[in-house]
């Protein structure tokens, strides 16, 4: 079931959009977010498939930096963003919203018909994309974990490098390794080790943004590819993943050397940290190694080249 975030501080506008969504997209799960500040405090609390946002603050706050912050955090989800706001009346503002990651926009007030049409198009696009993903997933899935396999990962990375010169938007790579996995495997057997890998994989798949790729890299290593994601956002996502693994209740985790089953993460961003795929992966892997040396269960980010 698709999850839609309705981030609008004006209660009347929020209820109107919610009512139209109920008519146009009755199978969607709508989550009302009435407070900008609450969303900014924990932007990754839930994973959404669509944002409908009025980025204008209800207070007298300077709107420009506030709007940038709202859009920056919404783009962490990697899903379409419909900006629905009086801010969209100006052409200059609409151009700025597109640069910040909005997929489309409508000025407020607007006729119900225009909004219904926009929501219908987003619904159609969502289900088309879902069907395409199902077809691709069948051929490119790791059997044990249900994640993308190495072949799919290589194709995805090549596609990102091909697109970069046109879009000029950074993308990031996160590599993760289950801490002391050999100890767990040797102590409890390969069958339980497979349970751990499948559990960690499900955590990663559920918490990366829509449009990201979570893949099994080999053994107990996993890679997450994050399009249109700068270093700061990549580190936020990696920390969210780290905490989720740490909090998961996994059988016999208390018998691990750290007293819990955890994972260590390395993150690097293209092109700031590396200008080739090989170097990007090497930088992230080096960060992972540093994290292991520092005691494991942590996130380390690469240092930019310049």
C-alpha atoms as a PDB file:
ATOM      1  CA  UNK A   1       0.000   0.000   0.000  1.00  0.00           C
ATOM      2  CA  UNK A   2       1.526   3.359  -1.034  1.00  0.00           C
ATOM      3  CA  UNK A   3       2.253   5.811   1.784  1.00  0.00           C
ATOM      4  CA  UNK A   4       1.660   9.510   1.146  1.00  0.00           C
ATOM      5  CA  UNK A   5       2.987  12.273   3.403  1.00  0.00           C
ATOM      6  CA  UNK A   6       0.758  15.339   3.608  1.00  0.00           C
ATOM      7  CA  UNK A   7       3.045  18.050   5.010  1.00  0.00           C
ATOM      8  CA  UNK A   8       0.926  21.197   5.289  1.00  0.00           C
ATOM      9  CA  UNK A   9       0.665  23.429   8.345  1.00  0.00           C
ATOM     10  CA  UNK A  10      -2.658  24.982   7.275  1.00  0.00           C
ATOM     11  CA  UNK A  11      -5.344  22.618   8.636  1.00  0.00           C
ATOM     12  CA  UNK A  12      -8.012  23.610   6.098  1.00  0.00           C
ATOM     13  CA  UNK A  13      -5.703  23.036   3.113  1.00  0.00           C
ATOM     14  CA  UNK A  14      -4.569  19.757   4.617  1.00  0.00           C
ATOM     15  CA  UNK A  15      -8.116  18.451   5.049  1.00  0.00           C
ATOM     16  CA  UNK A  16      -9.076  19.496   1.527  1.00  0.00           C
ATOM     17  CA  UNK A  17      -6.150  17.609  -0.014  1.00  0.00           C
ATOM     18  CA  UNK A  18      -6.815  14.594   2.204  1.00  0.00           C
ATOM     19  CA  UNK A  19     -10.432  14.518   0.997  1.00  0.00           C
ATOM     20  CA  UNK A  20      -9.396  14.641  -2.672  1.00  0.00           C
ATOM     21  CA  UNK A  21      -6.817  11.906  -2.091  1.00  0.00           C
ATOM     22  CA  UNK A  22      -9.540   9.705  -0.614  1.00  0.00           C
ATOM     23  CA  UNK A  23     -11.494  10.090  -3.869  1.00  0.00           C
ATOM     24  CA  UNK A  24      -8.608   9.757  -6.317  1.00  0.00           C
ATOM     25  CA  UNK A  25      -6.371   7.260  -4.521  1.00  0.00           C
ATOM     26  CA  UNK A  26      -8.482   5.366  -1.997  1.00  0.00           C
ATOM     27  CA  UNK A  27      -5.898   2.580  -1.520  1.00  0.00           C
ATOM     28  CA  UNK A  28      -3.203   5.011  -0.392  1.00  0.00           C
ATOM     29  CA  UNK A  29      -2.269   5.434   3.263  1.00  0.00           C
ATOM     30  CA  UNK A  30      -2.197   9.174   4.004  1.00  0.00           C
ATOM     31  CA  UNK A  31      -0.085  10.468   6.898  1.00  0.00           C
ATOM     32  CA  UNK A  32      -0.841  14.023   7.997  1.00  0.00           C
ATOM     33  CA  UNK A  33       2.228  15.992   9.079  1.00  0.00           C
ATOM     34  CA  UNK A  34       0.922  19.206  10.593  1.00  0.00           C
ATOM     35  CA  UNK A  35       4.248  20.540  11.878  1.00  0.00           C
ATOM     36  CA  UNK A  36       7.279  21.462   9.783  1.00  0.00           C
ATOM     37  CA  UNK A  37       9.524  21.484  12.849  1.00  0.00           C
ATOM     38  CA  UNK A  38       8.432  17.995  13.890  1.00  0.00           C
ATOM     39  CA  UNK A  39       9.192  16.665  10.402  1.00  0.00           C
ATOM     40  CA  UNK A  40      12.619  18.336  10.350  1.00  0.00           C
ATOM     41  CA  UNK A  41      13.468  16.798  13.726  1.00  0.00           C
ATOM     42  CA  UNK A  42      13.097  13.253  12.368  1.00  0.00           C
ATOM     43  CA  UNK A  43      12.625  13.292   8.561  1.00  0.00           C
ATOM     44  CA  UNK A  44      13.247   9.544   8.201  1.00  0.00           C
ATOM     45  CA  UNK A  45      10.799   8.403  10.857  1.00  0.00           C
ATOM     46  CA  UNK A  46       8.706   6.751   8.129  1.00  0.00           C
ATOM     47  CA  UNK A  47       9.312   5.859   4.495  1.00  0.00           C
ATOM     48  CA  UNK A  48       7.002   7.573   1.995  1.00  0.00           C
ATOM     49  CA  UNK A  49       6.175   7.000  -1.682  1.00  0.00           C
ATOM     50  CA  UNK A  50       4.901  10.555  -2.299  1.00  0.00           C
ATOM     51  CA  UNK A  51       5.111  13.946  -0.588  1.00  0.00           C
ATOM     52  CA  UNK A  52       2.470  16.650  -0.948  1.00  0.00           C
ATOM     53  CA  UNK A  53       4.071  19.705   0.626  1.00  0.00           C
ATOM     54  CA  UNK A  54       3.328  23.310   1.337  1.00  0.00           C
ATOM     55  CA  UNK A  55       6.891  24.394   2.216  1.00  0.00           C
ATOM     56  CA  UNK A  56       5.875  27.878   3.408  1.00  0.00           C
ATOM     57  CA  UNK A  57       6.145  28.140   7.203  1.00  0.00           C
ATOM     58  CA  UNK A  58       3.077  29.293   9.112  1.00  0.00           C
ATOM     59  CA  UNK A  59       5.273  31.568  11.262  1.00  0.00           C
ATOM     60  CA  UNK A  60       7.050  34.773  10.243  1.00  0.00           C
ATOM     61  CA  UNK A  61      10.277  32.806   9.700  1.00  0.00           C
ATOM     62  CA  UNK A  62      12.415  33.848   6.731  1.00  0.00           C
ATOM     63  CA  UNK A  63      10.906  31.451   4.152  1.00  0.00           C
ATOM     64  CA  UNK A  64      13.861  30.852   1.807  1.00  0.00           C
ATOM     65  CA  UNK A  65      16.219  28.867   4.103  1.00  0.00           C
ATOM     66  CA  UNK A  66      13.217  27.129   5.674  1.00  0.00           C
ATOM     67  CA  UNK A  67      11.928  25.969   2.274  1.00  0.00           C
ATOM     68  CA  UNK A  68      15.380  24.697   1.314  1.00  0.00           C
ATOM     69  CA  UNK A  69      15.553  22.706   4.540  1.00  0.00           C
ATOM     70  CA  UNK A  70      12.077  21.208   4.045  1.00  0.00           C
ATOM     71  CA  UNK A  71      12.820  20.116   0.460  1.00  0.00           C
ATOM     72  CA  UNK A  72      16.291  18.843   1.353  1.00  0.00           C
ATOM     73  CA  UNK A  73      14.843  16.527   4.000  1.00  0.00           C
ATOM     74  CA  UNK A  74      11.915  15.421   1.824  1.00  0.00           C
ATOM     75  CA  UNK A  75      14.315  14.389  -0.954  1.00  0.00           C
ATOM     76  CA  UNK A  76      15.884  11.911   1.496  1.00  0.00           C
ATOM     77  CA  UNK A  77      12.927   9.658   0.668  1.00  0.00           C
ATOM     78  CA  UNK A  78      13.732   9.578  -3.042  1.00  0.00           C
ATOM     79  CA  UNK A  79      10.067   9.834  -4.001  1.00  0.00           C
ATOM     80  CA  UNK A  80       8.049  12.387  -6.045  1.00  0.00           C
ATOM     81  CA  UNK A  81       7.358  15.707  -4.315  1.00  0.00           C
ATOM     82  CA  UNK A  82       4.310  17.797  -5.236  1.00  0.00           C
ATOM     83  CA  UNK A  83       4.706  21.366  -3.997  1.00  0.00           C
ATOM     84  CA  UNK A  84       1.236  22.773  -3.316  1.00  0.00           C
ATOM     85  CA  UNK A  85       1.584  26.335  -2.105  1.00  0.00           C
ATOM     86  CA  UNK A  86       1.017  30.033  -2.670  1.00  0.00           C
ATOM     87  CA  UNK A  87       4.817  30.112  -2.994  1.00  0.00           C
ATOM     88  CA  UNK A  88       4.366  28.489  -6.434  1.00  0.00           C
ATOM     89  CA  UNK A  89       2.664  31.556  -7.918  1.00  0.00           C
ATOM     90  CA  UNK A  90       6.015  33.070  -8.907  1.00  0.00           C
ATOM     91  CA  UNK A  91       7.892  31.568 -11.866  1.00  0.00           C
ATOM     92  CA  UNK A  92      11.207  32.211 -10.127  1.00  0.00           C
ATOM     93  CA  UNK A  93       9.987  30.324  -7.059  1.00  0.00           C
ATOM     94  CA  UNK A  94       8.833  27.403  -9.200  1.00  0.00           C
ATOM     95  CA  UNK A  95      12.271  27.208 -10.829  1.00  0.00           C
ATOM     96  CA  UNK A  96      13.880  27.201  -7.399  1.00  0.00           C
ATOM     97  CA  UNK A  97      11.574  24.423  -6.159  1.00  0.00           C
ATOM     98  CA  UNK A  98      12.524  22.234  -9.126  1.00  0.00           C
ATOM     99  CA  UNK A  99      16.215  22.782  -8.354  1.00  0.00           C
ATOM    100  CA  UNK A 100      15.567  21.770  -4.750  1.00  0.00           C
ATOM    101  CA  UNK A 101      13.985  18.468  -5.801  1.00  0.00           C
ATOM    102  CA  UNK A 102      10.265  19.110  -6.284  1.00  0.00           C
ATOM    103  CA  UNK A 103       8.762  16.951  -9.049  1.00  0.00           C
ATOM    104  CA  UNK A 104       5.854  19.266  -9.792  1.00  0.00           C
ATOM    105  CA  UNK A 105       3.880  22.150  -8.317  1.00  0.00           C
ATOM    106  CA  UNK A 106       0.499  23.840  -8.115  1.00  0.00           C
ATOM    107  CA  UNK A 107      -0.193  27.292  -6.700  1.00  0.00           C
ATOM    108  CA  UNK A 108      -2.720  27.707  -3.915  1.00  0.00           C
ATOM    109  CA  UNK A 109      -5.568  28.373  -4.192  1.00  0.00           C
ATOM    110  CA  UNK A 110      -6.256  26.063  -7.127  1.00  0.00           C
ATOM    111  CA  UNK A 111      -9.414  24.373  -8.509  1.00  0.00           C
ATOM    112  CA  UNK A 112     -10.227  20.876  -7.266  1.00  0.00           C
ATOM    113  CA  UNK A 113     -10.099  19.611 -10.856  1.00  0.00           C
ATOM    114  CA  UNK A 114      -6.459  20.679 -11.310  1.00  0.00           C
ATOM    115  CA  UNK A 115      -5.396  19.019  -8.068  1.00  0.00           C
ATOM    116  CA  UNK A 116      -7.385  15.844  -8.815  1.00  0.00           C
ATOM    117  CA  UNK A 117      -5.724  15.637 -12.235  1.00  0.00           C
ATOM    118  CA  UNK A 118      -2.254  16.052 -10.744  1.00  0.00           C
ATOM    119  CA  UNK A 119      -2.880  13.382  -8.099  1.00  0.00           C
ATOM    120  CA  UNK A 120      -4.289  10.997 -10.742  1.00  0.00           C
ATOM    121  CA  UNK A 121      -1.124  11.381 -12.831  1.00  0.00           C
ATOM    122  CA  UNK A 122       1.060  10.694  -9.802  1.00  0.00           C
ATOM    123  CA  UNK A 123      -1.008   7.609  -9.004  1.00  0.00           C
ATOM    124  CA  UNK A 124      -0.637   6.284 -12.555  1.00  0.00           C
ATOM    125  CA  UNK A 125       3.109   6.910 -12.522  1.00  0.00           C
ATOM    126  CA  UNK A 126       3.463   5.114  -9.178  1.00  0.00           C
ATOM    127  CA  UNK A 127       1.807   1.899 -10.374  1.00  0.00           C
ATOM    128  CA  UNK A 128       3.666   1.898 -13.701  1.00  0.00           C
ATOM    129  CA  UNK A 129       6.950   2.180 -11.842  1.00  0.00           C
ATOM    130  CA  UNK A 130       5.901  -0.572  -9.434  1.00  0.00           C
ATOM    131  CA  UNK A 131       5.226  -2.977 -12.322  1.00  0.00           C
ATOM    132  CA  UNK A 132       8.569  -2.184 -13.954  1.00  0.00           C
ATOM    133  CA  UNK A 133      10.341  -2.848 -10.677  1.00  0.00           C
ATOM    134  CA  UNK A 134       8.642  -6.249 -10.322  1.00  0.00           C
ATOM    135  CA  UNK A 135       9.839  -7.357 -13.757  1.00  0.00           C
ATOM    136  CA  UNK A 136      13.396  -6.201 -13.140  1.00  0.00           C
ATOM    137  CA  UNK A 137      13.522  -7.654  -9.638  1.00  0.00           C
ATOM    138  CA  UNK A 138      12.789 -11.199 -10.812  1.00  0.00           C
ATOM    139  CA  UNK A 139      16.009 -11.315 -12.877  1.00  0.00           C
ATOM    140  CA  UNK A 140      18.324  -9.402 -10.551  1.00  0.00           C
ATOM    141  CA  UNK A 141      17.616 -10.721  -7.053  1.00  0.00           C
ATOM    142  CA  UNK A 142      19.872 -12.495  -4.583  1.00  0.00           C
ATOM    143  CA  UNK A 143      18.040 -15.669  -3.524  1.00  0.00           C
ATOM    144  CA  UNK A 144      18.907 -15.649   0.167  1.00  0.00           C
ATOM    145  CA  UNK A 145      18.221 -12.006   0.989  1.00  0.00           C
ATOM    146  CA  UNK A 146      15.803 -10.898  -1.738  1.00  0.00           C
ATOM    147  CA  UNK A 147      18.111  -7.929  -2.403  1.00  0.00           C
ATOM    148  CA  UNK A 148      19.559  -6.850  -5.721  1.00  0.00           C
ATOM    149  CA  UNK A 149      22.480  -9.041  -6.776  1.00  0.00           C
ATOM    150  CA  UNK A 150      25.968  -7.944  -7.870  1.00  0.00           C
ATOM    151  CA  UNK A 151      24.992  -7.829 -11.564  1.00  0.00           C
ATOM    152  CA  UNK A 152      22.116  -5.450 -10.842  1.00  0.00           C
ATOM    153  CA  UNK A 153      24.377  -3.315  -8.651  1.00  0.00           C
ATOM    154  CA  UNK A 154      26.981  -2.959 -11.413  1.00  0.00           C
ATOM    155  CA  UNK A 155      24.292  -1.952 -13.938  1.00  0.00           C
ATOM    156  CA  UNK A 156      22.818   0.598 -11.517  1.00  0.00           C
ATOM    157  CA  UNK A 157      26.213   2.173 -10.784  1.00  0.00           C
ATOM    158  CA  UNK A 158      27.053   2.457 -14.479  1.00  0.00           C
ATOM    159  CA  UNK A 159      23.691   4.101 -15.128  1.00  0.00           C
ATOM    160  CA  UNK A 160      24.334   6.693 -12.422  1.00  0.00           C
ATOM    161  CA  UNK A 161      27.716   7.622 -13.865  1.00  0.00           C
ATOM    162  CA  UNK A 162      26.160   7.923 -17.323  1.00  0.00           C
ATOM    163  CA  UNK A 163      23.436  10.241 -16.011  1.00  0.00           C
ATOM    164  CA  UNK A 164      25.709  12.391 -13.835  1.00  0.00           C
ATOM    165  CA  UNK A 165      27.133  14.708 -16.546  1.00  0.00           C
ATOM    166  CA  UNK A 166      23.567  15.706 -17.483  1.00  0.00           C
ATOM    167  CA  UNK A 167      22.013  16.025 -14.032  1.00  0.00           C
ATOM    168  CA  UNK A 168      25.095  17.303 -12.158  1.00  0.00           C
ATOM    169  CA  UNK A 169      23.664  15.944  -8.916  1.00  0.00           C
ATOM    170  CA  UNK A 170      25.871  13.948  -6.549  1.00  0.00           C
ATOM    171  CA  UNK A 171      25.144  10.357  -5.638  1.00  0.00           C
ATOM    172  CA  UNK A 172      26.435   8.351  -2.718  1.00  0.00           C
ATOM    173  CA  UNK A 173      27.473   4.813  -1.916  1.00  0.00           C
ATOM    174  CA  UNK A 174      27.174   3.169   1.486  1.00  0.00           C
ATOM    175  CA  UNK A 175      28.909  -0.131   2.193  1.00  0.00           C
ATOM    176  CA  UNK A 176      27.931  -2.090   5.306  1.00  0.00           C
ATOM    177  CA  UNK A 177      29.435  -5.144   6.953  1.00  0.00           C
ATOM    178  CA  UNK A 178      27.878  -7.251   9.728  1.00  0.00           C
ATOM    179  CA  UNK A 179      30.231  -7.053  12.720  1.00  0.00           C
ATOM    180  CA  UNK A 180      31.890 -10.305  13.857  1.00  0.00           C
ATOM    181  CA  UNK A 181      29.724 -12.336  11.484  1.00  0.00           C
ATOM    182  CA  UNK A 182      32.260 -15.198  11.312  1.00  0.00           C
ATOM    183  CA  UNK A 183      32.003 -15.574  15.098  1.00  0.00           C
ATOM    184  CA  UNK A 184      28.204 -15.816  14.844  1.00  0.00           C
ATOM    185  CA  UNK A 185      28.361 -18.260  11.921  1.00  0.00           C
ATOM    186  CA  UNK A 186      30.946 -20.504  13.591  1.00  0.00           C
ATOM    187  CA  UNK A 187      29.074 -20.486  16.915  1.00  0.00           C
ATOM    188  CA  UNK A 188      25.490 -20.992  15.731  1.00  0.00           C
ATOM    189  CA  UNK A 189      25.862 -22.576  12.296  1.00  0.00           C
ATOM    190  CA  UNK A 190      25.309 -21.486   8.706  1.00  0.00           C
ATOM    191  CA  UNK A 191      21.529 -21.793   8.906  1.00  0.00           C
ATOM    192  CA  UNK A 192      21.318 -19.220  11.704  1.00  0.00           C
ATOM    193  CA  UNK A 193      23.930 -17.125   9.870  1.00  0.00           C
ATOM    194  CA  UNK A 194      21.608 -17.056   6.874  1.00  0.00           C
ATOM    195  CA  UNK A 195      18.790 -15.860   9.159  1.00  0.00           C
ATOM    196  CA  UNK A 196      21.001 -12.953  10.261  1.00  0.00           C
ATOM    197  CA  UNK A 197      21.835 -11.977   6.669  1.00  0.00           C
ATOM    198  CA  UNK A 198      18.180 -12.126   5.619  1.00  0.00           C
ATOM    199  CA  UNK A 199      17.175 -10.041   8.664  1.00  0.00           C
ATOM    200  CA  UNK A 200      19.798  -7.349   8.054  1.00  0.00           C
ATOM    201  CA  UNK A 201      18.871  -7.289   4.354  1.00  0.00           C
ATOM    202  CA  UNK A 202      15.199  -6.712   5.189  1.00  0.00           C
ATOM    203  CA  UNK A 203      16.184  -3.804   7.455  1.00  0.00           C
ATOM    204  CA  UNK A 204      18.175  -2.167   4.659  1.00  0.00           C
ATOM    205  CA  UNK A 205      15.512  -2.728   2.000  1.00  0.00           C
ATOM    206  CA  UNK A 206      12.790  -1.267   4.216  1.00  0.00           C
ATOM    207  CA  UNK A 207      14.718   1.858   5.182  1.00  0.00           C
ATOM    208  CA  UNK A 208      16.475   3.103   2.065  1.00  0.00           C
ATOM    209  CA  UNK A 209      14.641   5.738   0.045  1.00  0.00           C
ATOM    210  CA  UNK A 210      12.402   4.901  -2.869  1.00  0.00           C
ATOM    211  CA  UNK A 211      14.649   4.935  -5.948  1.00  0.00           C
ATOM    212  CA  UNK A 212      17.743   3.810  -4.006  1.00  0.00           C
ATOM    213  CA  UNK A 213      19.248   0.371  -4.550  1.00  0.00           C
ATOM    214  CA  UNK A 214      20.124  -1.990  -1.692  1.00  0.00           C
ATOM    215  CA  UNK A 215      22.269  -4.909  -2.855  1.00  0.00           C
ATOM    216  CA  UNK A 216      24.149  -7.858  -1.416  1.00  0.00           C
ATOM    217  CA  UNK A 217      27.780  -7.247  -2.296  1.00  0.00           C
ATOM    218  CA  UNK A 218      29.024 -10.637  -1.154  1.00  0.00           C
ATOM    219  CA  UNK A 219      29.157 -12.650   2.072  1.00  0.00           C
ATOM    220  CA  UNK A 220      28.071 -10.385   4.920  1.00  0.00           C
ATOM    221  CA  UNK A 221      28.694  -7.149   2.976  1.00  0.00           C
ATOM    222  CA  UNK A 222      25.923  -4.963   1.580  1.00  0.00           C
ATOM    223  CA  UNK A 223      25.953  -1.873  -0.633  1.00  0.00           C
ATOM    224  CA  UNK A 224      23.354   0.895  -0.831  1.00  0.00           C
ATOM    225  CA  UNK A 225      23.399   3.202  -3.869  1.00  0.00           C
ATOM    226  CA  UNK A 226      21.734   6.576  -3.246  1.00  0.00           C
ATOM    227  CA  UNK A 227      21.003   8.709  -6.351  1.00  0.00           C
ATOM    228  CA  UNK A 228      20.741  12.489  -5.912  1.00  0.00           C
ATOM    229  CA  UNK A 229      22.155  12.222  -2.402  1.00  0.00           C
ATOM    230  CA  UNK A 230      24.964  14.382  -0.993  1.00  0.00           C
ATOM    231  CA  UNK A 231      27.381  13.354   1.769  1.00  0.00           C
ATOM    232  CA  UNK A 232      25.408  14.846   4.676  1.00  0.00           C
ATOM    233  CA  UNK A 233      22.236  13.034   3.689  1.00  0.00           C
ATOM    234  CA  UNK A 234      24.123   9.790   3.019  1.00  0.00           C
ATOM    235  CA  UNK A 235      25.555   9.904   6.542  1.00  0.00           C
ATOM    236  CA  UNK A 236      22.075  10.507   7.984  1.00  0.00           C
ATOM    237  CA  UNK A 237      20.716   7.491   6.113  1.00  0.00           C
ATOM    238  CA  UNK A 238      23.672   5.305   7.132  1.00  0.00           C
ATOM    239  CA  UNK A 239      23.198   6.264  10.785  1.00  0.00           C
ATOM    240  CA  UNK A 240      19.504   5.375  10.541  1.00  0.00           C
ATOM    241  CA  UNK A 241      20.450   1.958   9.139  1.00  0.00           C
ATOM    242  CA  UNK A 242      23.111   1.424  11.805  1.00  0.00           C
ATOM    243  CA  UNK A 243      20.670   2.182  14.611  1.00  0.00           C
ATOM    244  CA  UNK A 244      18.022  -0.104  13.094  1.00  0.00           C
ATOM    245  CA  UNK A 245      20.432  -3.076  13.020  1.00  0.00           C
ATOM    246  CA  UNK A 246      21.559  -2.314  16.569  1.00  0.00           C
ATOM    247  CA  UNK A 247      17.947  -2.220  17.807  1.00  0.00           C
ATOM    248  CA  UNK A 248      16.795  -5.377  15.981  1.00  0.00           C
ATOM    249  CA  UNK A 249      16.103  -8.383  18.216  1.00  0.00           C
ATOM    250  CA  UNK A 250      18.251 -11.112  16.641  1.00  0.00           C
ATOM    251  CA  UNK A 251      18.598 -14.599  18.206  1.00  0.00           C
ATOM    252  CA  UNK A 252      21.770 -15.099  20.298  1.00  0.00           C
ATOM    253  CA  UNK A 253      22.942 -11.529  19.692  1.00  0.00           C
ATOM    254  CA  UNK A 254      23.996 -11.240  23.330  1.00  0.00           C
ATOM    255  CA  UNK A 255      26.680 -13.880  22.660  1.00  0.00           C
ATOM    256  CA  UNK A 256      28.451 -11.638  20.143  1.00  0.00           C
ATOM    257  CA  UNK A 257      31.816 -10.047  21.144  1.00  0.00           C
ATOM    258  CA  UNK A 258      30.145  -6.615  21.389  1.00  0.00           C
ATOM    259  CA  UNK A 259      27.189  -8.016  23.364  1.00  0.00           C
ATOM    260  CA  UNK A 260      24.908  -7.284  20.429  1.00  0.00           C
ATOM    261  CA  UNK A 261      24.712  -7.956  16.688  1.00  0.00           C
ATOM    262  CA  UNK A 262      25.676  -4.749  14.883  1.00  0.00           C
ATOM    263  CA  UNK A 263      27.031  -3.455  11.571  1.00  0.00           C
ATOM    264  CA  UNK A 264      29.666  -0.933  10.500  1.00  0.00           C
ATOM    265  CA  UNK A 265      29.199   1.519   7.618  1.00  0.00           C
ATOM    266  CA  UNK A 266      31.410   3.442   5.205  1.00  0.00           C
ATOM    267  CA  UNK A 267      30.050   6.195   2.940  1.00  0.00           C
ATOM    268  CA  UNK A 268      31.471   8.053  -0.064  1.00  0.00           C
ATOM    269  CA  UNK A 269      29.976  10.545  -2.534  1.00  0.00           C
ATOM    270  CA  UNK A 270      30.536  10.985  -6.277  1.00  0.00           C
ATOM    271  CA  UNK A 271      32.181  13.175  -7.523  1.00  0.00           C
ATOM    272  CA  UNK A 272      33.341  14.939  -4.321  1.00  0.00           C
ATOM    273  CA  UNK A 273      35.170  11.948  -2.850  1.00  0.00           C
ATOM    274  CA  UNK A 274      35.908  10.028  -6.059  1.00  0.00           C
ATOM    275  CA  UNK A 275      35.678  10.622  -9.798  1.00  0.00           C
ATOM    276  CA  UNK A 276      35.408   6.950 -10.838  1.00  0.00           C
ATOM    277  CA  UNK A 277      33.236   4.066  -9.655  1.00  0.00           C
ATOM    278  CA  UNK A 278      36.292   2.043  -8.671  1.00  0.00           C
ATOM    279  CA  UNK A 279      37.634   4.853  -6.491  1.00  0.00           C
ATOM    280  CA  UNK A 280      34.183   5.518  -4.998  1.00  0.00           C
ATOM    281  CA  UNK A 281      33.879   1.909  -3.860  1.00  0.00           C
ATOM    282  CA  UNK A 282      37.488   1.943  -2.620  1.00  0.00           C
ATOM    283  CA  UNK A 283      36.880   5.115  -0.583  1.00  0.00           C
ATOM    284  CA  UNK A 284      33.734   3.688   1.022  1.00  0.00           C
ATOM    285  CA  UNK A 285      35.527   0.410   1.750  1.00  0.00           C
ATOM    286  CA  UNK A 286      38.428   2.296   3.368  1.00  0.00           C
ATOM    287  CA  UNK A 287      35.912   4.113   5.593  1.00  0.00           C
ATOM    288  CA  UNK A 288      34.412   0.752   6.534  1.00  0.00           C
ATOM    289  CA  UNK A 289      37.877  -0.495   7.510  1.00  0.00           C
ATOM    290  CA  UNK A 290      38.476   2.612   9.648  1.00  0.00           C
ATOM    291  CA  UNK A 291      35.146   1.981  11.368  1.00  0.00           C
ATOM    292  CA  UNK A 292      36.173  -1.586  12.150  1.00  0.00           C
ATOM    293  CA  UNK A 293      39.486  -0.350  13.566  1.00  0.00           C
ATOM    294  CA  UNK A 294      37.660   2.208  15.739  1.00  0.00           C
ATOM    295  CA  UNK A 295      35.554  -0.458  17.434  1.00  0.00           C
ATOM    296  CA  UNK A 296      32.779  -1.278  14.925  1.00  0.00           C
ATOM    297  CA  UNK A 297      29.064  -0.301  15.063  1.00  0.00           C
ATOM    298  CA  UNK A 298      29.701   3.171  13.629  1.00  0.00           C
ATOM    299  CA  UNK A 299      29.429   5.265  10.441  1.00  0.00           C
ATOM    300  CA  UNK A 300      32.495   6.771   8.758  1.00  0.00           C
ATOM    301  CA  UNK A 301      32.360   9.191   5.810  1.00  0.00           C
ATOM    302  CA  UNK A 302      35.068   9.695   3.193  1.00  0.00           C
ATOM    303  CA  UNK A 303      37.184  12.847   2.945  1.00  0.00           C
ATOM    304  CA  UNK A 304      36.636  14.907  -0.254  1.00  0.00           C
ATOM    305  CA  UNK A 305      39.422  14.853  -2.858  1.00  0.00           C
ATOM    306  CA  UNK A 306      39.814  18.653  -2.880  1.00  0.00           C
END
